[in-house]
PDB file of N, CA and C in Angstrom:
ATOM      1  N   MET A   1     113.226 103.073  92.455  1.00  0.00           N
ATOM      2  CA  MET A   1     112.421 103.088  93.664  1.00  0.00           C
ATOM      3  C   MET A   1     112.627 101.800  94.453  1.00  0.00           C
ATOM      4  N   ASN A   2     112.626 100.671  93.777  1.00  0.00           N
ATOM      5  CA  ASN A   2     112.701  99.395  94.469  1.00  0.00           C
ATOM      6  C   ASN A   2     114.027  99.189  95.185  1.00  0.00           C
ATOM      7  N   ASP A   3     115.143  99.523  94.534  1.00  0.00           N
ATOM      8  CA  ASP A   3     116.454  99.318  95.152  1.00  0.00           C
ATOM      9  C   ASP A   3     116.743 100.352  96.230  1.00  0.00           C
ATOM     10  N   ASP A   4     116.451 101.603  95.948  1.00  0.00           N
ATOM     11  CA  ASP A   4     116.782 102.682  96.873  1.00  0.00           C
ATOM     12  C   ASP A   4     115.797 102.830  98.026  1.00  0.00           C
ATOM     13  N   HIS A   5     114.566 102.378  97.832  1.00  0.00           N
ATOM     14  CA  HIS A   5     113.515 102.619  98.827  1.00  0.00           C
ATOM     15  C   HIS A   5     112.726 101.353  99.147  1.00  0.00           C
ATOM     16  N   ALA A   6     113.426 100.251  99.337  1.00  0.00           N
ATOM     17  CA  ALA A   6     112.761  98.969  99.594  1.00  0.00           C
ATOM     18  C   ALA A   6     111.883  99.024 100.841  1.00  0.00           C
ATOM     19  N   GLU A   7     112.347  99.691 101.880  1.00  0.00           N
ATOM     20  CA  GLU A   7     111.558  99.791 103.113  1.00  0.00           C
ATOM     21  C   GLU A   7     110.283 100.599 102.881  1.00  0.00           C
ATOM     22  N   ALA A   8     110.352 101.619 102.045  1.00  0.00           N
ATOM     23  CA  ALA A   8     109.167 102.420 101.749  1.00  0.00           C
ATOM     24  C   ALA A   8     108.123 101.590 101.011  1.00  0.00           C
ATOM     25  N   VAL A   9     108.562 100.775 100.069  1.00  0.00           N
ATOM     26  CA  VAL A   9     107.627  99.934  99.314  1.00  0.00           C
ATOM     27  C   VAL A   9     106.970  98.919 100.247  1.00  0.00           C
ATOM     28  N   LEU A  10     107.743  98.343 101.165  1.00  0.00           N
ATOM     29  CA  LEU A  10     107.153  97.444 102.166  1.00  0.00           C
ATOM     30  C   LEU A  10     106.141  98.187 103.036  1.00  0.00           C
ATOM     31  N   ALA A  11     106.453  99.426 103.392  1.00  0.00           N
ATOM     32  CA  ALA A  11     105.538 100.224 104.214  1.00  0.00           C
ATOM     33  C   ALA A  11     104.238 100.523 103.467  1.00  0.00           C
ATOM     34  N   TYR A  12     104.325 100.858 102.169  1.00  0.00           N
ATOM     35  CA  TYR A  12     103.103 101.064 101.375  1.00  0.00           C
ATOM     36  C   TYR A  12     102.255  99.796 101.389  1.00  0.00           C
ATOM     37  N   ALA A  13     102.905  98.632 101.187  1.00  0.00           N
ATOM     38  CA  ALA A  13     102.180  97.359 101.145  1.00  0.00           C
ATOM     39  C   ALA A  13     101.471  97.086 102.461  1.00  0.00           C
ATOM     40  N   LYS A  14     102.161  97.353 103.545  1.00  0.00           N
ATOM     41  CA  LYS A  14     101.607  97.069 104.864  1.00  0.00           C
ATOM     42  C   LYS A  14     100.495  98.055 105.227  1.00  0.00           C
ATOM     43  N   HIS A  15     100.787  99.337 105.149  1.00  0.00           N
ATOM     44  CA  HIS A  15      99.836 100.348 105.619  1.00  0.00           C
ATOM     45  C   HIS A  15      98.663 100.560 104.661  1.00  0.00           C
ATOM     46  N   TYR A  16      98.965 100.806 103.401  1.00  0.00           N
ATOM     47  CA  TYR A  16      97.910 101.124 102.439  1.00  0.00           C
ATOM     48  C   TYR A  16      97.351  99.883 101.743  1.00  0.00           C
ATOM     49  N   GLY A  17      98.178  98.850 101.598  1.00  0.00           N
ATOM     50  CA  GLY A  17      97.734  97.633 100.924  1.00  0.00           C
ATOM     51  C   GLY A  17      97.100  96.617 101.843  1.00  0.00           C
ATOM     52  N   GLY A  18      97.237  96.819 103.155  1.00  0.00           N
ATOM     53  CA  GLY A  18      96.617  95.929 104.122  1.00  0.00           C
ATOM     54  C   GLY A  18      97.282  94.569 104.254  1.00  0.00           C
ATOM     55  N   VAL A  19      98.536  94.463 103.828  1.00  0.00           N
ATOM     56  CA  VAL A  19      99.266  93.203 103.934  1.00  0.00           C
ATOM     57  C   VAL A  19      99.899  93.154 105.329  1.00  0.00           C
ATOM     58  N   SER A  20      99.541  92.139 106.119  1.00  0.00           N
ATOM     59  CA  SER A  20      99.964  92.086 107.520  1.00  0.00           C
ATOM     60  C   SER A  20     101.468  92.079 107.719  1.00  0.00           C
ATOM     61  N   ASN A  21     102.156  91.147 107.140  1.00  0.00           N
ATOM     62  CA  ASN A  21     103.602  91.028 107.333  1.00  0.00           C
ATOM     63  C   ASN A  21     104.295  90.761 106.004  1.00  0.00           C
ATOM     64  N   PRO A  22     104.392  91.770 105.146  1.00  0.00           N
ATOM     65  CA  PRO A  22     105.018  91.532 103.847  1.00  0.00           C
ATOM     66  C   PRO A  22     106.503  91.216 103.988  1.00  0.00           C
ATOM     67  N   ALA A  23     106.947  90.189 103.287  1.00  0.00           N
ATOM     68  CA  ALA A  23     108.365  89.820 103.310  1.00  0.00           C
ATOM     69  C   ALA A  23     109.121  90.497 102.174  1.00  0.00           C
ATOM     70  N   ALA A  24     108.473  90.605 101.023  1.00  0.00           N
ATOM     71  CA  ALA A  24     109.104  91.219  99.852  1.00  0.00           C
ATOM     72  C   ALA A  24     108.060  92.005  99.080  1.00  0.00           C
ATOM     73  N   ALA A  25     108.434  93.191  98.659  1.00  0.00           N
ATOM     74  CA  ALA A  25     107.508  94.021  97.880  1.00  0.00           C
ATOM     75  C   ALA A  25     108.310  94.825  96.873  1.00  0.00           C
ATOM     76  N   ARG A  26     107.737  94.991  95.689  1.00  0.00           N
ATOM     77  CA  ARG A  26     108.359  95.864  94.698  1.00  0.00           C
ATOM     78  C   ARG A  26     107.266  96.658  93.999  1.00  0.00           C
ATOM     79  N   MET A  27     107.599  97.883  93.633  1.00  0.00           N
ATOM     80  CA  MET A  27     106.659  98.736  92.922  1.00  0.00           C
ATOM     81  C   MET A  27     106.749  98.373  91.449  1.00  0.00           C
ATOM     82  N   VAL A  28     105.617  97.971  90.883  1.00  0.00           N
ATOM     83  CA  VAL A  28     105.567  97.554  89.489  1.00  0.00           C
ATOM     84  C   VAL A  28     105.287  98.752  88.593  1.00  0.00           C
ATOM     85  N   SER A  29     104.333  99.600  89.004  1.00  0.00           N
ATOM     86  CA  SER A  29     104.006 100.780  88.205  1.00  0.00           C
ATOM     87  C   SER A  29     103.279 101.809  89.050  1.00  0.00           C
ATOM     88  N   VAL A  30     103.330 103.045  88.557  1.00  0.00           N
ATOM     89  CA  VAL A  30     102.549 104.138  89.131  1.00  0.00           C
ATOM     90  C   VAL A  30     101.711 104.680  88.000  1.00  0.00           C
ATOM     91  N   LYS A  31     100.407 104.610  88.182  1.00  0.00           N
ATOM     92  CA  LYS A  31      99.463 105.119  87.189  1.00  0.00           C
ATOM     93  C   LYS A  31      98.780 106.356  87.767  1.00  0.00           C
ATOM     94  N   ALA A  32      97.976 107.001  86.987  1.00  0.00           N
ATOM     95  CA  ALA A  32      97.331 108.240  87.431  1.00  0.00           C
ATOM     96  C   ALA A  32      96.462 108.054  88.672  1.00  0.00           C
ATOM     97  N   GLU A  33      95.850 106.888  88.816  1.00  0.00           N
ATOM     98  CA  GLU A  33      94.937 106.687  89.942  1.00  0.00           C
ATOM     99  C   GLU A  33      95.395 105.647  90.950  1.00  0.00           C
ATOM    100  N   THR A  34      96.405 104.845  90.606  1.00  0.00           N
ATOM    101  CA  THR A  34      96.858 103.782  91.512  1.00  0.00           C
ATOM    102  C   THR A  34      98.358 103.536  91.405  1.00  0.00           C
ATOM    103  N   MET A  35      98.904 102.934  92.446  1.00  0.00           N
ATOM    104  CA  MET A  35     100.245 102.351  92.359  1.00  0.00           C
ATOM    105  C   MET A  35     100.040 100.844  92.419  1.00  0.00           C
ATOM    106  N   GLU A  36     100.796 100.147  91.597  1.00  0.00           N
ATOM    107  CA  GLU A  36     100.691  98.693  91.527  1.00  0.00           C
ATOM    108  C   GLU A  36     101.941  98.097  92.161  1.00  0.00           C
ATOM    109  N   LEU A  37     101.740  97.231  93.148  1.00  0.00           N
ATOM    110  CA  LEU A  37     102.838  96.571  93.821  1.00  0.00           C
ATOM    111  C   LEU A  37     102.753  95.066  93.598  1.00  0.00           C
ATOM    112  N   GLU A  38     103.886  94.414  93.706  1.00  0.00           N
ATOM    113  CA  GLU A  38     103.919  92.956  93.788  1.00  0.00           C
ATOM    114  C   GLU A  38     104.425  92.654  95.188  1.00  0.00           C
ATOM    115  N   VAL A  39     103.577  92.015  95.983  1.00  0.00           N
ATOM    116  CA  VAL A  39     103.899  91.746  97.377  1.00  0.00           C
ATOM    117  C   VAL A  39     103.856  90.251  97.608  1.00  0.00           C
ATOM    118  N   ASP A  40     104.983  89.682  97.948  1.00  0.00           N
ATOM    119  CA  ASP A  40     105.091  88.244  98.181  1.00  0.00           C
ATOM    120  C   ASP A  40     104.459  87.450  97.036  1.00  0.00           C
ATOM    121  N   GLY A  41     104.690  87.922  95.809  1.00  0.00           N
ATOM    122  CA  GLY A  41     104.213  87.239  94.613  1.00  0.00           C
ATOM    123  C   GLY A  41     102.795  87.574  94.200  1.00  0.00           C
ATOM    124  N   ALA A  42     102.084  88.365  94.975  1.00  0.00           N
ATOM    125  CA  ALA A  42     100.691  88.732  94.656  1.00  0.00           C
ATOM    126  C   ALA A  42     100.621  90.200  94.226  1.00  0.00           C
ATOM    127  N   SER A  43      99.678  90.514  93.352  1.00  0.00           N
ATOM    128  CA  SER A  43      99.464  91.894  92.917  1.00  0.00           C
ATOM    129  C   SER A  43      98.639  92.651  93.940  1.00  0.00           C
ATOM    130  N   VAL A  44      99.079  93.854  94.253  1.00  0.00           N
ATOM    131  CA  VAL A  44      98.360  94.728  95.182  1.00  0.00           C
ATOM    132  C   VAL A  44      98.234  96.090  94.513  1.00  0.00           C
ATOM    133  N   SER A  45      97.008  96.587  94.431  1.00  0.00           N
ATOM    134  CA  SER A  45      96.740  97.895  93.838  1.00  0.00           C
ATOM    135  C   SER A  45      96.331  98.857  94.953  1.00  0.00           C
ATOM    136  N   ILE A  46      96.984 100.007  95.004  1.00  0.00           N
ATOM    137  CA  ILE A  46      96.694 101.006  96.031  1.00  0.00           C
ATOM    138  C   ILE A  46      96.243 102.292  95.336  1.00  0.00           C
ATOM    139  N   ALA A  47      95.036 102.707  95.638  1.00  0.00           N
ATOM    140  CA  ALA A  47      94.460 103.911  95.022  1.00  0.00           C
ATOM    141  C   ALA A  47      95.010 105.172  95.687  1.00  0.00           C
ATOM    142  N   PHE A  48      95.236 106.196  94.884  1.00  0.00           N
ATOM    143  CA  PHE A  48      95.617 107.499  95.405  1.00  0.00           C
ATOM    144  C   PHE A  48      94.352 108.265  95.785  1.00  0.00           C
ATOM    145  N   ASP A  49      94.503 109.310  96.589  1.00  0.00           N
ATOM    146  CA  ASP A  49      93.352 110.111  97.001  1.00  0.00           C
ATOM    147  C   ASP A  49      92.946 111.138  95.940  1.00  0.00           C
ATOM    148  N   HIS A  50      93.718 111.212  94.856  1.00  0.00           N
ATOM    149  CA  HIS A  50      93.398 112.096  93.732  1.00  0.00           C
ATOM    150  C   HIS A  50      94.078 111.531  92.484  1.00  0.00           C
ATOM    151  N   THR A  51      93.690 112.016  91.341  1.00  0.00           N
ATOM    152  CA  THR A  51      94.324 111.591  90.090  1.00  0.00           C
ATOM    153  C   THR A  51      95.624 112.359  89.916  1.00  0.00           C
ATOM    154  N   LEU A  52      96.718 111.621  89.748  1.00  0.00           N
ATOM    155  CA  LEU A  52      98.025 112.262  89.573  1.00  0.00           C
ATOM    156  C   LEU A  52      98.081 112.979  88.232  1.00  0.00           C
ATOM    157  N   THR A  53      98.716 114.143  88.220  1.00  0.00           N
ATOM    158  CA  THR A  53      98.777 114.934  86.993  1.00  0.00           C
ATOM    159  C   THR A  53     100.092 114.775  86.235  1.00  0.00           C
ATOM    160  N   ASP A  54     101.195 114.503  86.964  1.00  0.00           N
ATOM    161  CA  ASP A  54     102.499 114.365  86.317  1.00  0.00           C
ATOM    162  C   ASP A  54     103.472 113.697  87.289  1.00  0.00           C
ATOM    163  N   SER A  55     104.721 113.554  86.875  1.00  0.00           N
ATOM    164  CA  SER A  55     105.699 112.864  87.715  1.00  0.00           C
ATOM    165  C   SER A  55     106.004 113.628  89.008  1.00  0.00           C
ATOM    166  N   GLU A  56     105.972 114.947  88.954  1.00  0.00           N
ATOM    167  CA  GLU A  56     106.184 115.749  90.168  1.00  0.00           C
ATOM    168  C   GLU A  56     105.067 115.493  91.174  1.00  0.00           C
ATOM    169  N   ASP A  57     103.833 115.445  90.699  1.00  0.00           N
ATOM    170  CA  ASP A  57     102.689 115.159  91.559  1.00  0.00           C
ATOM    171  C   ASP A  57     102.811 113.757  92.142  1.00  0.00           C
ATOM    172  N   ALA A  58     103.261 112.805  91.339  1.00  0.00           N
ATOM    173  CA  ALA A  58     103.454 111.435  91.816  1.00  0.00           C
ATOM    174  C   ALA A  58     104.479 111.414  92.952  1.00  0.00           C
ATOM    175  N   HIS A  59     105.600 112.092  92.758  1.00  0.00           N
ATOM    176  CA  HIS A  59     106.641 112.136  93.783  1.00  0.00           C
ATOM    177  C   HIS A  59     106.115 112.756  95.074  1.00  0.00           C
ATOM    178  N   ARG A  60     105.473 113.919  94.956  1.00  0.00           N
ATOM    179  CA  ARG A  60     104.932 114.596  96.146  1.00  0.00           C
ATOM    180  C   ARG A  60     103.914 113.711  96.862  1.00  0.00           C
ATOM    181  N   THR A  61     103.069 113.028  96.097  1.00  0.00           N
ATOM    182  CA  THR A  61     102.036 112.181  96.679  1.00  0.00           C
ATOM    183  C   THR A  61     102.641 110.983  97.399  1.00  0.00           C
ATOM    184  N   LEU A  62     103.607 110.319  96.788  1.00  0.00           N
ATOM    185  CA  LEU A  62     104.248 109.166  97.424  1.00  0.00           C
ATOM    186  C   LEU A  62     104.963 109.580  98.709  1.00  0.00           C
ATOM    187  N   VAL A  63     105.642 110.708  98.687  1.00  0.00           N
ATOM    188  CA  VAL A  63     106.315 111.205  99.892  1.00  0.00           C
ATOM    189  C   VAL A  63     105.287 111.542 100.968  1.00  0.00           C
ATOM    190  N   ALA A  64     104.206 112.208 100.592  1.00  0.00           N
ATOM    191  CA  ALA A  64     103.164 112.560 101.563  1.00  0.00           C
ATOM    192  C   ALA A  64     102.532 111.310 102.174  1.00  0.00           C
ATOM    193  N   MET A  65     102.343 110.280 101.367  1.00  0.00           N
ATOM    194  CA  MET A  65     101.775 109.032 101.876  1.00  0.00           C
ATOM    195  C   MET A  65     102.705 108.409 102.916  1.00  0.00           C
ATOM    196  N   LEU A  66     104.004 108.431 102.662  1.00  0.00           N
ATOM    197  CA  LEU A  66     104.964 107.909 103.642  1.00  0.00           C
ATOM    198  C   LEU A  66     104.922 108.711 104.930  1.00  0.00           C
ATOM    199  N   ARG A  67     104.905 110.014 104.808  1.00  0.00           N
ATOM    200  CA  ARG A  67     104.902 110.878 105.996  1.00  0.00           C
ATOM    201  C   ARG A  67     103.612 110.756 106.796  1.00  0.00           C
ATOM    202  N   ALA A  68     102.514 110.372 106.142  1.00  0.00           N
ATOM    203  CA  ALA A  68     101.230 110.243 106.830  1.00  0.00           C
ATOM    204  C   ALA A  68     101.120 108.959 107.647  1.00  0.00           C
ATOM    205  N   MET A  69     102.025 108.008 107.397  1.00  0.00           N
ATOM    206  CA  MET A  69     101.975 106.733 108.118  1.00  0.00           C
ATOM    207  C   MET A  69     102.480 106.909 109.536  1.00  0.00           C
ATOM    208  N   PRO A  70     101.842 106.187 110.470  1.00  0.00           N
ATOM    209  CA  PRO A  70     102.385 106.212 111.829  1.00  0.00           C
ATOM    210  C   PRO A  70     103.740 105.512 111.837  1.00  0.00           C
ATOM    211  N   LYS A  71     104.654 106.014 112.604  1.00  0.00           N
ATOM    212  CA  LYS A  71     105.979 105.408 112.709  1.00  0.00           C
ATOM    213  C   LYS A  71     105.890 104.199 113.629  1.00  0.00           C
ATOM    214  N   GLU A  72     106.583 103.123 113.254  1.00  0.00           N
ATOM    215  CA  GLU A  72     106.612 101.914 114.086  1.00  0.00           C
ATOM    216  C   GLU A  72     107.182 102.275 115.452  1.00  0.00           C
ATOM    217  N   GLY A  73     106.452 101.940 116.505  1.00  0.00           N
ATOM    218  CA  GLY A  73     106.924 102.162 117.868  1.00  0.00           C
ATOM    219  C   GLY A  73     107.030 103.624 118.247  1.00  0.00           C
ATOM    220  N   ALA A  74     106.373 104.495 117.483  1.00  0.00           N
ATOM    221  CA  ALA A  74     106.476 105.934 117.752  1.00  0.00           C
ATOM    222  C   ALA A  74     105.726 106.314 119.020  1.00  0.00           C
ATOM    223  N   ASP A  75     106.254 107.309 119.699  1.00  0.00           N
ATOM    224  CA  ASP A  75     105.591 107.875 120.856  1.00  0.00           C
ATOM    225  C   ASP A  75     104.464 108.756 120.348  1.00  0.00           C
ATOM    226  N   LEU A  76     103.240 108.559 120.860  1.00  0.00           N
ATOM    227  CA  LEU A  76     102.110 109.351 120.390  1.00  0.00           C
ATOM    228  C   LEU A  76     102.130 110.772 120.938  1.00  0.00           C
ATOM    229  N   GLY A  77     102.942 111.026 121.940  1.00  0.00           N
ATOM    230  CA  GLY A  77     103.035 112.383 122.461  1.00  0.00           C
ATOM    231  C   GLY A  77     104.063 113.166 121.682  1.00  0.00           C
ATOM    232  N   ALA A  78     103.707 114.356 121.251  1.00  0.00           N
ATOM    233  CA  ALA A  78     104.634 115.192 120.494  1.00  0.00           C
ATOM    234  C   ALA A  78     104.947 116.433 121.306  1.00  0.00           C
ATOM    235  N   ILE A  79     106.146 116.945 121.148  1.00  0.00           N
ATOM    236  CA  ILE A  79     106.540 118.153 121.850  1.00  0.00           C
ATOM    237  C   ILE A  79     106.496 119.308 120.865  1.00  0.00           C
ATOM    238  N   SER A  80     105.764 120.334 121.225  1.00  0.00           N
ATOM    239  CA  SER A  80     105.620 121.499 120.354  1.00  0.00           C
ATOM    240  C   SER A  80     106.886 122.353 120.430  1.00  0.00           C
ATOM    241  N   PRO A  81     107.023 123.335 119.512  1.00  0.00           N
ATOM    242  CA  PRO A  81     108.193 124.221 119.555  1.00  0.00           C
ATOM    243  C   PRO A  81     108.316 124.977 120.874  1.00  0.00           C
ATOM    244  N   THR A  82     107.213 125.137 121.613  1.00  0.00           N
ATOM    245  CA  THR A  82     107.256 125.843 122.894  1.00  0.00           C
ATOM    246  C   THR A  82     107.562 124.900 124.049  1.00  0.00           C
ATOM    247  N   GLY A  83     107.762 123.597 123.741  1.00  0.00           N
ATOM    248  CA  GLY A  83     108.106 122.637 124.779  1.00  0.00           C
ATOM    249  C   GLY A  83     106.912 121.932 125.402  1.00  0.00           C
ATOM    250  N   GLU A  84     105.709 122.234 124.938  1.00  0.00           N
ATOM    251  CA  GLU A  84     104.515 121.592 125.485  1.00  0.00           C
ATOM    252  C   GLU A  84     104.300 120.243 124.810  1.00  0.00           C
ATOM    253  N   ARG A  85     103.778 119.300 125.557  1.00  0.00           N
ATOM    254  CA  ARG A  85     103.516 117.969 125.021  1.00  0.00           C
ATOM    255  C   ARG A  85     102.028 117.884 124.673  1.00  0.00           C
ATOM    256  N   SER A  86     101.754 117.396 123.469  1.00  0.00           N
ATOM    257  CA  SER A  86     100.361 117.198 123.060  1.00  0.00           C
ATOM    258  C   SER A  86     100.198 115.749 122.635  1.00  0.00           C
ATOM    259  N   LEU A  87      99.001 115.236 122.776  1.00  0.00           N
ATOM    260  CA  LEU A  87      98.717 113.859 122.403  1.00  0.00           C
ATOM    261  C   LEU A  87      98.182 113.839 120.992  1.00  0.00           C
ATOM    262  N   GLN A  88      98.847 113.061 120.126  1.00  0.00           N
ATOM    263  CA  GLN A  88      98.394 112.907 118.750  1.00  0.00           C
ATOM    264  C   GLN A  88      97.700 111.571 118.650  1.00  0.00           C
ATOM    265  N   ARG A  89      96.471 111.570 118.222  1.00  0.00           N
ATOM    266  CA  ARG A  89      95.726 110.337 118.096  1.00  0.00           C
ATOM    267  C   ARG A  89      95.770 109.872 116.639  1.00  0.00           C
ATOM    268  N   PRO A  90      95.956 108.562 116.432  1.00  0.00           N
ATOM    269  CA  PRO A  90      95.943 108.051 115.061  1.00  0.00           C
ATOM    270  C   PRO A  90      94.560 108.222 114.446  1.00  0.00           C
ATOM    271  N   THR A  91      94.515 108.457 113.144  1.00  0.00           N
ATOM    272  CA  THR A  91      93.236 108.634 112.470  1.00  0.00           C
ATOM    273  C   THR A  91      92.546 107.320 112.202  1.00  0.00           C
ATOM    274  N   ALA A  92      93.295 106.235 112.169  1.00  0.00           N
ATOM    275  CA  ALA A  92      92.700 104.915 111.925  1.00  0.00           C
ATOM    276  C   ALA A  92      93.536 103.860 112.645  1.00  0.00           C
ATOM    277  N   VAL A  93      92.883 102.823 113.052  1.00  0.00           N
ATOM    278  CA  VAL A  93      93.582 101.725 113.702  1.00  0.00           C
ATOM    279  C   VAL A  93      93.550 100.535 112.763  1.00  0.00           C
ATOM    280  N   HIS A  94      94.718  99.981 112.490  1.00  0.00           N
ATOM    281  CA  HIS A  94      94.816  98.811 111.614  1.00  0.00           C
ATOM    282  C   HIS A  94      95.222  97.642 112.470  1.00  0.00           C
ATOM    283  N   ARG A  95      94.457  96.570 112.397  1.00  0.00           N
ATOM    284  CA  ARG A  95      94.773  95.374 113.173  1.00  0.00           C
ATOM    285  C   ARG A  95      94.896  94.185 112.254  1.00  0.00           C
ATOM    286  N   ALA A  96      95.895  93.384 112.528  1.00  0.00           N
ATOM    287  CA  ALA A  96      96.025  92.116 111.790  1.00  0.00           C
ATOM    288  C   ALA A  96      95.161  91.075 112.501  1.00  0.00           C
ATOM    289  N   LEU A  97      94.393  90.343 111.734  1.00  0.00           N
ATOM    290  CA  LEU A  97      93.535  89.327 112.341  1.00  0.00           C
ATOM    291  C   LEU A  97      94.176  87.977 112.282  1.00  0.00           C
TER     292      LEU A  97
END
């Protein structure tokens, strides 16, 4: 995970871990209720929205978490299959203080 998906681990740290500008992050472990990261030398624990049942559930959950994140610099307007534009509002606003 760390070598192949370094950007994803940084994204987890930033979005779910609340780390403003992580420089380095690695996934230390995935447990039934949390993923444990090491971010810039500090431990960060991120809780899942449910208890994982197996490795397949872990994979699906991690992928879903990535897909749920807003894309950096993304256009909030989406075009539907019929060509109509709709406004997608973020569910939460995260600000660095």
